[in-house]
Amino acid sequence: MHHLLLVLSATPSPVPTPGLREGITEDQITPGLWGFIMTAFFVLATTLLIVDMVRRIRRVRYRAQVEEERQAAAAAADIEADEVRHPAEDGRHSIQDGSDTNRPGTKD
């Protein structure tokens, strides 16, 4: 452990060099025009993909919501149809065909 600390403390820190190395120009170390064009292309493509993804997610959510509402309406219609076909058996009768068989004096 002591040897590692000794080695780390003995390592000299790099000295910054002023300017560029001989034979290297600014064009060789900067991204330049092509770097800017490629970065702009990737940003634009990513933005378009995100916008498209958000639009598709909204469409799926809307379709799911419409389907749930349709199923709820169908279930409510089924419940109403069942009540008309099978009236509640609590002593009350619904008139389905226009005749009331519970009135006194009527023929069965």
C-alpha atoms as a PDB file:
ATOM      1  CA  MET A   1       0.000   0.000   0.000  1.00  0.00           C
ATOM      2  CA  HIS A   2       2.823   2.392   0.877  1.00  0.00           C
ATOM      3  CA  HIS A   3       4.525   1.637  -2.415  1.00  0.00           C
ATOM      4  CA  LEU A   4       1.403   2.617  -4.366  1.00  0.00           C
ATOM      5  CA  LEU A   5       1.190   5.953  -2.578  1.00  0.00           C
ATOM      6  CA  LEU A   6       4.880   6.519  -3.172  1.00  0.00           C
ATOM      7  CA  VAL A   7       4.475   5.821  -6.903  1.00  0.00           C
ATOM      8  CA  LEU A   8       1.407   8.044  -7.198  1.00  0.00           C
ATOM      9  CA  SER A   9       3.074  10.920  -5.405  1.00  0.00           C
ATOM     10  CA  ALA A  10       6.254  10.582  -7.476  1.00  0.00           C
ATOM     11  CA  THR A  11       4.421  10.875 -10.819  1.00  0.00           C
ATOM     12  CA  PRO A  12       4.954  14.389 -12.205  1.00  0.00           C
ATOM     13  CA  SER A  13       1.905  16.305 -13.402  1.00  0.00           C
ATOM     14  CA  PRO A  14       1.787  17.055 -17.132  1.00  0.00           C
ATOM     15  CA  VAL A  15       2.826  20.497 -18.181  1.00  0.00           C
ATOM     16  CA  PRO A  16       0.434  22.153 -20.647  1.00  0.00           C
ATOM     17  CA  THR A  17       2.078  22.987 -23.911  1.00  0.00           C
ATOM     18  CA  PRO A  18       1.382  26.358 -25.442  1.00  0.00           C
ATOM     19  CA  GLY A  19      -0.193  26.176 -28.913  1.00  0.00           C
ATOM     20  CA  LEU A  20      -0.336  23.167 -31.189  1.00  0.00           C
ATOM     21  CA  ARG A  21       2.266  20.582 -31.954  1.00  0.00           C
ATOM     22  CA  GLU A  22       4.340  21.136 -35.038  1.00  0.00           C
ATOM     23  CA  GLY A  23       2.628  19.908 -38.213  1.00  0.00           C
ATOM     24  CA  ILE A  24      -0.942  20.032 -36.782  1.00  0.00           C
ATOM     25  CA  THR A  25      -3.413  22.702 -37.897  1.00  0.00           C
ATOM     26  CA  GLU A  26      -6.720  23.824 -36.337  1.00  0.00           C
ATOM     27  CA  ASP A  27      -8.683  21.928 -39.024  1.00  0.00           C
ATOM     28  CA  GLN A  28      -7.154  18.644 -37.892  1.00  0.00           C
ATOM     29  CA  ILE A  29      -8.350  18.891 -34.299  1.00  0.00           C
ATOM     30  CA  THR A  30     -11.785  20.514 -34.640  1.00  0.00           C
ATOM     31  CA  PRO A  31     -14.903  18.812 -35.993  1.00  0.00           C
ATOM     32  CA  GLY A  32     -15.282  21.407 -38.715  1.00  0.00           C
ATOM     33  CA  LEU A  33     -18.218  21.791 -41.067  1.00  0.00           C
ATOM     34  CA  TRP A  34     -18.852  18.052 -41.492  1.00  0.00           C
ATOM     35  CA  GLY A  35     -18.936  17.550 -37.743  1.00  0.00           C
ATOM     36  CA  PHE A  36     -21.509  20.303 -37.399  1.00  0.00           C
ATOM     37  CA  ILE A  37     -23.616  18.902 -40.260  1.00  0.00           C
ATOM     38  CA  MET A  38     -23.579  15.369 -38.817  1.00  0.00           C
ATOM     39  CA  THR A  39     -24.448  16.613 -35.308  1.00  0.00           C
ATOM     40  CA  ALA A  40     -27.309  18.720 -36.691  1.00  0.00           C
ATOM     41  CA  PHE A  41     -28.548  15.700 -38.684  1.00  0.00           C
ATOM     42  CA  PHE A  42     -28.582  13.444 -35.602  1.00  0.00           C
ATOM     43  CA  VAL A  43     -30.363  16.087 -33.526  1.00  0.00           C
ATOM     44  CA  LEU A  44     -32.986  16.584 -36.235  1.00  0.00           C
ATOM     45  CA  ALA A  45     -33.484  12.834 -36.744  1.00  0.00           C
ATOM     46  CA  THR A  46     -33.802  12.247 -32.994  1.00  0.00           C
ATOM     47  CA  THR A  47     -36.316  15.089 -32.657  1.00  0.00           C
ATOM     48  CA  LEU A  48     -38.429  13.714 -35.510  1.00  0.00           C
ATOM     49  CA  LEU A  49     -38.342  10.204 -34.027  1.00  0.00           C
ATOM     50  CA  ILE A  50     -39.433  11.499 -30.604  1.00  0.00           C
ATOM     51  CA  VAL A  51     -42.304  13.511 -32.111  1.00  0.00           C
ATOM     52  CA  ASP A  52     -43.448  10.471 -34.110  1.00  0.00           C
ATOM     53  CA  MET A  53     -43.238   8.217 -31.045  1.00  0.00           C
ATOM     54  CA  VAL A  54     -45.305  10.636 -28.942  1.00  0.00           C
ATOM     55  CA  ARG A  55     -47.930  10.838 -31.696  1.00  0.00           C
ATOM     56  CA  ARG A  56     -48.161   7.037 -31.902  1.00  0.00           C
ATOM     57  CA  ILE A  57     -48.428   6.660 -28.119  1.00  0.00           C
ATOM     58  CA  ARG A  58     -51.259   9.232 -28.032  1.00  0.00           C
ATOM     59  CA  ARG A  59     -53.057   7.368 -30.818  1.00  0.00           C
ATOM     60  CA  VAL A  60     -52.783   4.046 -28.962  1.00  0.00           C
ATOM     61  CA  ARG A  61     -54.045   5.623 -25.727  1.00  0.00           C
ATOM     62  CA  TYR A  62     -56.962   7.262 -27.541  1.00  0.00           C
ATOM     63  CA  ARG A  63     -57.914   4.005 -29.250  1.00  0.00           C
ATOM     64  CA  ALA A  64     -57.790   2.173 -25.913  1.00  0.00           C
ATOM     65  CA  GLN A  65     -59.980   4.841 -24.305  1.00  0.00           C
ATOM     66  CA  VAL A  66     -62.534   4.661 -27.139  1.00  0.00           C
ATOM     67  CA  GLU A  67     -62.555   0.853 -26.924  1.00  0.00           C
ATOM     68  CA  GLU A  68     -63.149   0.975 -23.140  1.00  0.00           C
ATOM     69  CA  GLU A  69     -66.029   3.413 -23.631  1.00  0.00           C
ATOM     70  CA  ARG A  70     -67.492   1.202 -26.358  1.00  0.00           C
ATOM     71  CA  GLN A  71     -67.269  -1.873 -24.131  1.00  0.00           C
ATOM     72  CA  ALA A  72     -68.828   0.004 -21.208  1.00  0.00           C
ATOM     73  CA  ALA A  73     -71.703   1.158 -23.426  1.00  0.00           C
ATOM     74  CA  ALA A  74     -72.189  -2.383 -24.748  1.00  0.00           C
ATOM     75  CA  ALA A  75     -72.202  -3.759 -21.205  1.00  0.00           C
ATOM     76  CA  ALA A  76     -74.768  -1.155 -20.130  1.00  0.00           C
ATOM     77  CA  ALA A  77     -76.921  -2.021 -23.154  1.00  0.00           C
ATOM     78  CA  ASP A  78     -76.682  -5.726 -22.283  1.00  0.00           C
ATOM     79  CA  ILE A  79     -77.754  -5.021 -18.701  1.00  0.00           C
ATOM     80  CA  GLU A  80     -80.741  -2.990 -19.920  1.00  0.00           C
ATOM     81  CA  ALA A  81     -81.690  -5.732 -22.392  1.00  0.00           C
ATOM     82  CA  ASP A  82     -81.483  -8.354 -19.641  1.00  0.00           C
ATOM     83  CA  GLU A  83     -83.728  -6.254 -17.399  1.00  0.00           C
ATOM     84  CA  VAL A  84     -86.321  -5.981 -20.176  1.00  0.00           C
ATOM     85  CA  ARG A  85     -86.182  -9.729 -20.914  1.00  0.00           C
ATOM     86  CA  HIS A  86     -86.029 -10.853 -17.275  1.00  0.00           C
ATOM     87  CA  PRO A  87     -87.790  -8.360 -15.029  1.00  0.00           C
ATOM     88  CA  ALA A  88     -86.861  -8.242 -11.378  1.00  0.00           C
ATOM     89  CA  GLU A  89     -88.837 -10.754  -9.344  1.00  0.00           C
ATOM     90  CA  ASP A  90     -89.877  -8.473  -6.494  1.00  0.00           C
ATOM     91  CA  GLY A  91     -93.611  -8.500  -7.183  1.00  0.00           C
ATOM     92  CA  ARG A  92     -93.502  -5.889  -9.915  1.00  0.00           C
ATOM     93  CA  HIS A  93     -93.978  -6.869 -13.544  1.00  0.00           C
ATOM     94  CA  SER A  94     -92.989  -4.973 -16.603  1.00  0.00           C
ATOM     95  CA  ILE A  95     -95.351  -4.672 -19.525  1.00  0.00           C
ATOM     96  CA  GLN A  96     -93.574  -6.124 -22.531  1.00  0.00           C
ATOM     97  CA  ASP A  97     -96.373  -6.933 -24.964  1.00  0.00           C
ATOM     98  CA  GLY A  98     -98.936  -4.355 -23.867  1.00  0.00           C
ATOM     99  CA  SER A  99    -101.081  -6.790 -21.828  1.00  0.00           C
ATOM    100  CA  ASP A 100    -101.335  -6.813 -18.068  1.00  0.00           C
ATOM    101  CA  THR A 101    -102.276 -10.219 -16.686  1.00  0.00           C
ATOM    102  CA  ASN A 102    -102.384  -9.107 -13.050  1.00  0.00           C
ATOM    103  CA  ARG A 103    -105.514  -6.929 -13.385  1.00  0.00           C
ATOM    104  CA  PRO A 104    -108.632  -8.394 -11.888  1.00  0.00           C
ATOM    105  CA  GLY A 105    -111.231  -9.407 -14.397  1.00  0.00           C
ATOM    106  CA  THR A 106    -108.825 -10.217 -17.226  1.00  0.00           C
ATOM    107  CA  LYS A 107    -108.657 -13.580 -18.878  1.00  0.00           C
ATOM    108  CA  ASP A 108    -105.484 -15.605 -18.917  1.00  0.00           C
END
